[in-house]
Amino acid sequence: MLRLVRALPASPAVFLSRTIVLVYLALKPGYRAEIRRNLALMCGRNSRWFWVGNAWQVGQNLALMAKLGTNQGNKAIDNAEVCWENTTQKLLEQDLHAVMVSFHFGAWEYLPMLFSALGFRVRLVTGEQQDQGLARYLAGIRSGSDVKLVSGLREAELGMARPGLTGFMLDNTARGRRTWVELDRVRVGIPSLAFRMARARQLRVVPLFARFENNRLVVEVYGPTDERGVVLALLKQVRQRPEHWVFWAKAGALEAS
């Protein structure tokens, strides 16, 4: 279905992707209940029908991300607006290594390609996908340009000894050790690997978020921080634009404090 979305012109692609996500969630009562619960935990809102608007926005974001590597995707990267915090901009200007983390928020798949286009050596640490077809598709859109996919920890550690960027996705909470952060009435469990690897080299972690706004890719890059700072950034982004976050498939990673 993602390949079909990728092949279609922009408007039909968005329509099809939105329809797919809406139907998917309509057939998943457990996920709809999880969306309602997580919305209450993260944003203090109790909305039975929020999942519809969430699916509508996520469907659009998925369609736009399916265009990575096409003319439409390349144009979005060329015209992107990157909003830096000064500390991160100075870190990268010094040609040092940076560890960056993102979430299933907005148009997250654009981040590795964007920084590669900006001239950085980008390594993306990836986990295994149960669906091998999906794994091949994601590898295809993620590894274009100068982005290198890394699955072994040894290889990831060696790469952090050189200038460049190492990126992680922190929404993949089903495997590995978690770090729990309690903040503003919610406990968030995030994978700890990125933070452990960063500390081993006396680095801090940079959270960042991408979204489409007025047909333009906008990226917000925060300053280097710790686990608490990363969760604080996530809460800020989700509470400002909750429809952009994938609120489902996070069972066990969010709790009331």
Protein backbone atom coordinates (compact mmCIF):
# COMPACT_ATOMS: atom_id res chain seq x y z
CA MET A 1 0.00 0.00 0.00
CA LEU A 2 2.87 2.37 0.74
CA ARG A 3 4.34 1.64 -2.68
CA LEU A 4 1.00 2.53 -4.26
CA VAL A 5 0.82 5.74 -2.19
CA ARG A 6 4.33 6.58 -3.36
CA ALA A 7 3.41 6.06 -7.02
CA LEU A 8 0.25 8.19 -6.96
CA PRO A 9 0.16 11.97 -7.54
CA ALA A 10 0.19 14.09 -4.36
CA SER A 11 -3.53 14.58 -3.69
CA PRO A 12 -4.70 10.99 -4.43
CA ALA A 13 -1.74 9.70 -2.40
CA VAL A 14 -2.81 11.70 0.67
CA PHE A 15 -6.45 10.64 0.24
CA LEU A 16 -5.52 6.95 -0.01
CA SER A 17 -3.13 7.09 2.95
CA ARG A 18 -5.70 8.84 5.14
CA THR A 19 -8.32 6.25 4.18
CA ILE A 20 -5.95 3.40 5.03
CA VAL A 21 -5.18 4.77 8.51
CA LEU A 22 -8.83 5.57 9.24
CA VAL A 23 -9.97 2.07 8.25
CA TYR A 24 -7.08 0.49 10.15
CA LEU A 25 -7.97 2.25 13.39
CA ALA A 26 -11.69 1.67 12.84
CA LEU A 27 -10.92 -2.06 12.88
CA LYS A 28 -8.71 -1.78 15.99
CA PRO A 29 -10.87 -1.03 19.06
CA GLY A 30 -7.90 -1.70 21.34
CA TYR A 31 -5.83 0.95 19.59
CA ARG A 32 -8.72 3.45 19.71
CA ALA A 33 -8.97 2.89 23.45
CA GLU A 34 -5.21 3.33 23.78
CA ILE A 35 -5.35 6.60 21.82
CA ARG A 36 -8.05 7.93 24.15
CA ARG A 37 -6.10 6.87 27.23
CA ASN A 38 -2.80 8.28 26.01
CA LEU A 39 -4.41 11.56 24.98
CA ALA A 40 -5.71 11.92 28.53
CA LEU A 41 -2.27 11.09 29.97
CA MET A 42 -0.23 13.35 27.69
CA CYS A 43 -2.62 16.26 27.14
CA GLY A 44 -5.24 16.07 29.91
CA ARG A 45 -8.02 15.68 27.32
CA ASN A 46 -10.73 13.01 27.15
CA SER A 47 -12.05 12.80 23.61
CA ARG A 48 -13.83 9.75 22.24
CA TRP A 49 -13.39 10.87 18.61
CA PHE A 50 -9.87 12.31 18.70
CA TRP A 51 -8.65 9.19 16.90
CA VAL A 52 -10.39 10.38 13.69
CA GLY A 53 -8.45 13.65 13.54
CA ASN A 54 -5.31 11.81 14.61
CA ALA A 55 -5.71 9.29 11.77
CA TRP A 56 -6.45 12.09 9.29
CA GLN A 57 -3.20 13.91 10.14
CA VAL A 58 -1.01 10.82 10.48
CA GLY A 59 -2.36 9.57 7.16
CA GLN A 60 -1.24 12.78 5.48
CA ASN A 61 2.18 12.59 7.13
CA LEU A 62 2.66 8.98 6.01
CA ALA A 63 1.78 9.91 2.44
CA LEU A 64 4.32 12.74 2.48
CA MET A 65 6.99 10.47 3.94
CA ALA A 66 6.28 7.86 1.26
CA LYS A 67 7.48 10.48 -1.24
CA LEU A 68 11.03 10.46 0.12
CA GLY A 69 13.46 10.10 -2.76
CA THR A 70 10.96 11.38 -5.33
CA ASN A 71 10.91 14.87 -6.83
CA GLN A 72 8.27 15.92 -4.31
CA GLY A 73 10.32 14.65 -1.37
CA ASN A 74 13.55 16.21 -2.65
CA LYS A 75 11.80 19.55 -3.13
CA ALA A 76 10.51 19.40 0.47
CA ILE A 77 14.07 18.84 1.73
CA ASP A 78 15.48 21.65 -0.41
CA ASN A 79 12.87 24.10 0.93
CA ALA A 80 12.91 22.94 4.56
CA GLU A 81 13.07 25.41 7.43
CA VAL A 82 15.36 24.29 10.25
CA CYS A 83 14.94 26.01 13.62
CA TRP A 84 18.07 25.46 15.72
CA GLU A 85 18.87 26.06 19.35
CA ASN A 86 22.21 27.86 19.47
CA THR A 87 23.97 25.16 21.47
CA THR A 88 23.22 22.50 18.86
CA GLN A 89 24.18 24.73 15.96
CA LYS A 90 27.53 25.50 17.60
CA LEU A 91 28.08 21.80 18.33
CA LEU A 92 27.65 20.89 14.67
CA GLU A 93 29.73 23.85 13.46
CA GLN A 94 32.65 22.47 15.51
CA ASP A 95 32.51 19.27 13.42
CA LEU A 96 31.91 17.11 16.49
CA HIS A 97 29.71 14.03 16.76
CA ALA A 98 26.07 14.51 17.75
CA VAL A 99 23.56 11.91 18.94
CA MET A 100 20.03 12.81 17.83
CA VAL A 101 16.70 11.24 18.75
CA SER A 102 13.26 11.58 17.19
CA PHE A 103 9.81 10.14 17.73
CA HIS A 104 6.86 8.97 15.64
CA PHE A 105 5.78 12.58 15.36
CA GLY A 106 5.01 14.50 12.17
CA ALA A 107 7.31 13.63 9.25
CA TRP A 108 10.10 11.91 11.16
CA GLU A 109 11.44 9.92 8.21
CA TYR A 110 12.64 13.14 6.56
CA LEU A 111 15.18 13.86 9.30
CA PRO A 112 18.09 11.61 8.19
CA MET A 113 17.81 12.74 4.55
CA LEU A 114 17.56 16.39 5.53
CA PHE A 115 20.76 16.36 7.58
CA SER A 116 22.51 14.39 4.88
CA ALA A 117 21.48 17.08 2.39
CA LEU A 118 22.91 19.70 4.78
CA GLY A 119 26.30 18.02 4.41
CA PHE A 120 26.53 15.86 7.53
CA ARG A 121 27.61 12.22 7.70
CA VAL A 122 24.45 10.54 8.97
CA ARG A 123 24.16 7.08 10.53
CA LEU A 124 20.72 5.79 11.48
CA VAL A 125 20.55 3.03 14.11
CA THR A 126 17.67 0.75 13.16
CA GLY A 127 15.98 -2.22 14.77
CA GLU A 128 14.50 -5.30 13.15
CA GLN A 129 11.04 -5.17 11.57
CA GLN A 130 8.76 -8.19 11.92
CA ASP A 131 7.39 -7.53 8.42
CA GLN A 132 10.28 -8.14 6.06
CA GLY A 133 8.52 -6.42 3.16
CA LEU A 134 8.14 -3.30 5.25
CA ALA A 135 11.76 -3.62 6.36
CA ARG A 136 12.97 -3.61 2.76
CA TYR A 137 10.74 -0.67 1.88
CA LEU A 138 11.92 1.41 4.85
CA ALA A 139 15.55 0.56 4.16
CA GLY A 140 15.08 1.79 0.61
CA ILE A 141 13.73 5.20 1.55
CA ARG A 142 16.03 5.64 4.57
CA SER A 143 19.35 4.77 2.99
CA GLY A 144 19.32 7.12 0.04
CA SER A 145 21.90 9.87 -0.41
CA ASP A 146 24.69 9.55 2.20
CA VAL A 147 22.57 8.06 5.02
CA LYS A 148 24.00 4.79 6.32
CA LEU A 149 21.81 2.29 8.18
CA VAL A 150 23.42 0.62 11.19
CA SER A 151 21.95 -2.36 13.05
CA GLY A 152 24.94 -3.64 15.05
CA LEU A 153 25.90 -1.90 18.28
CA ARG A 154 29.61 -2.37 17.64
CA GLU A 155 29.34 -0.62 14.29
CA ALA A 156 27.28 2.17 15.84
CA GLU A 157 29.86 2.73 18.58
CA LEU A 158 32.72 2.92 16.08
CA GLY A 159 30.82 5.47 14.02
CA MET A 160 30.41 7.75 17.03
CA ALA A 161 34.18 8.19 17.21
CA ARG A 162 34.08 10.27 14.01
CA PRO A 163 32.39 13.60 13.18
CA GLY A 164 28.81 13.30 12.05
CA LEU A 165 25.37 12.37 13.38
CA THR A 166 23.95 9.18 14.86
CA GLY A 167 20.16 9.04 14.94
CA PHE A 168 17.75 6.91 16.99
CA MET A 169 13.97 6.56 17.05
CA LEU A 170 12.75 6.52 20.67
CA ASP A 171 9.19 5.36 20.05
CA ASN A 172 10.36 1.79 19.48
CA THR A 173 9.68 0.74 23.06
CA ALA A 174 8.90 -2.98 22.70
CA ARG A 175 12.50 -4.17 22.97
CA GLY A 176 15.54 -3.39 25.05
CA ARG A 177 15.99 -1.54 28.31
CA ARG A 178 13.91 1.52 29.11
CA THR A 179 14.54 4.64 31.11
CA TRP A 180 11.50 6.00 32.95
CA VAL A 181 11.00 9.74 33.23
CA GLU A 182 8.30 11.18 35.48
CA LEU A 183 7.23 14.66 34.42
CA ASP A 184 4.08 16.72 34.76
CA ARG A 185 1.79 13.89 35.91
CA VAL A 186 2.95 11.34 33.34
CA ARG A 187 5.65 8.63 33.32
CA VAL A 188 7.23 8.01 29.95
CA GLY A 189 9.37 4.95 29.23
CA ILE A 190 11.93 5.57 26.49
CA PRO A 191 14.63 3.22 25.17
CA SER A 192 17.90 3.91 27.00
CA LEU A 193 20.39 2.79 24.34
CA ALA A 194 20.94 6.21 22.78
CA PHE A 195 21.63 7.78 26.17
CA ARG A 196 23.99 5.00 27.26
CA MET A 197 26.00 5.25 24.04
CA ALA A 198 26.12 9.04 24.24
CA ARG A 199 27.34 9.04 27.85
CA ALA A 200 30.08 6.57 26.98
CA ARG A 201 31.56 9.35 24.82
CA GLN A 202 30.65 12.16 27.21
CA LEU A 203 27.92 13.43 24.90
CA ARG A 204 24.37 14.58 25.48
CA VAL A 205 21.39 13.83 23.28
CA VAL A 206 19.64 16.23 20.87
CA PRO A 207 15.84 15.78 20.44
CA LEU A 208 14.32 16.99 17.17
CA PHE A 209 10.95 17.00 15.44
CA ALA A 210 9.79 17.42 11.83
CA ARG A 211 6.36 18.40 10.54
CA PHE A 212 4.75 19.87 7.44
CA GLU A 213 3.29 23.32 8.01
CA ASN A 214 1.73 25.34 5.18
CA ASN A 215 3.15 22.80 2.70
CA ARG A 216 6.68 23.34 4.02
CA LEU A 217 8.86 20.96 6.02
CA VAL A 218 9.67 22.54 9.39
CA VAL A 219 12.27 20.98 11.70
CA GLU A 220 12.77 22.01 15.33
CA VAL A 221 16.15 21.05 16.81
CA TYR A 222 16.53 21.35 20.58
CA GLY A 223 19.73 21.73 22.57
CA PRO A 224 21.75 18.73 23.87
CA THR A 225 20.11 17.37 27.02
CA ASP A 226 19.39 14.29 29.15
CA GLU A 227 16.41 11.94 29.32
CA ARG A 228 14.30 14.44 31.24
CA GLY A 229 14.99 17.17 28.71
CA VAL A 230 14.09 14.84 25.84
CA VAL A 231 10.74 13.94 27.42
CA LEU A 232 10.09 17.61 28.17
CA ALA A 233 10.61 18.41 24.49
CA LEU A 234 8.28 15.55 23.50
CA LEU A 235 5.54 16.76 25.86
CA LYS A 236 5.82 20.29 24.48
CA GLN A 237 5.51 19.15 20.87
CA VAL A 238 2.68 16.70 21.51
CA ARG A 239 0.65 19.17 23.56
CA GLN A 240 1.03 21.86 20.91
CA ARG A 241 0.11 19.58 17.98
CA PRO A 242 -1.33 16.30 19.33
CA GLU A 243 -2.72 15.13 15.97
CA HIS A 244 0.84 14.77 14.61
CA TRP A 245 1.90 12.09 17.12
CA VAL A 246 1.21 8.38 16.67
CA PHE A 247 -0.76 7.84 19.87
CA TRP A 248 -1.16 4.06 19.48
CA ALA A 249 1.14 1.03 19.83
CA LYS A 250 2.70 2.46 23.00
CA ALA A 251 1.21 0.08 25.54
CA GLY A 252 3.41 -0.11 28.61
CA ALA A 253 5.41 3.01 27.71
CA LEU A 254 3.06 5.64 29.20
CA GLU A 255 1.68 5.67 32.73
CA ALA A 256 0.01 8.10 35.07
CA SER A 257 2.40 9.33 37.73
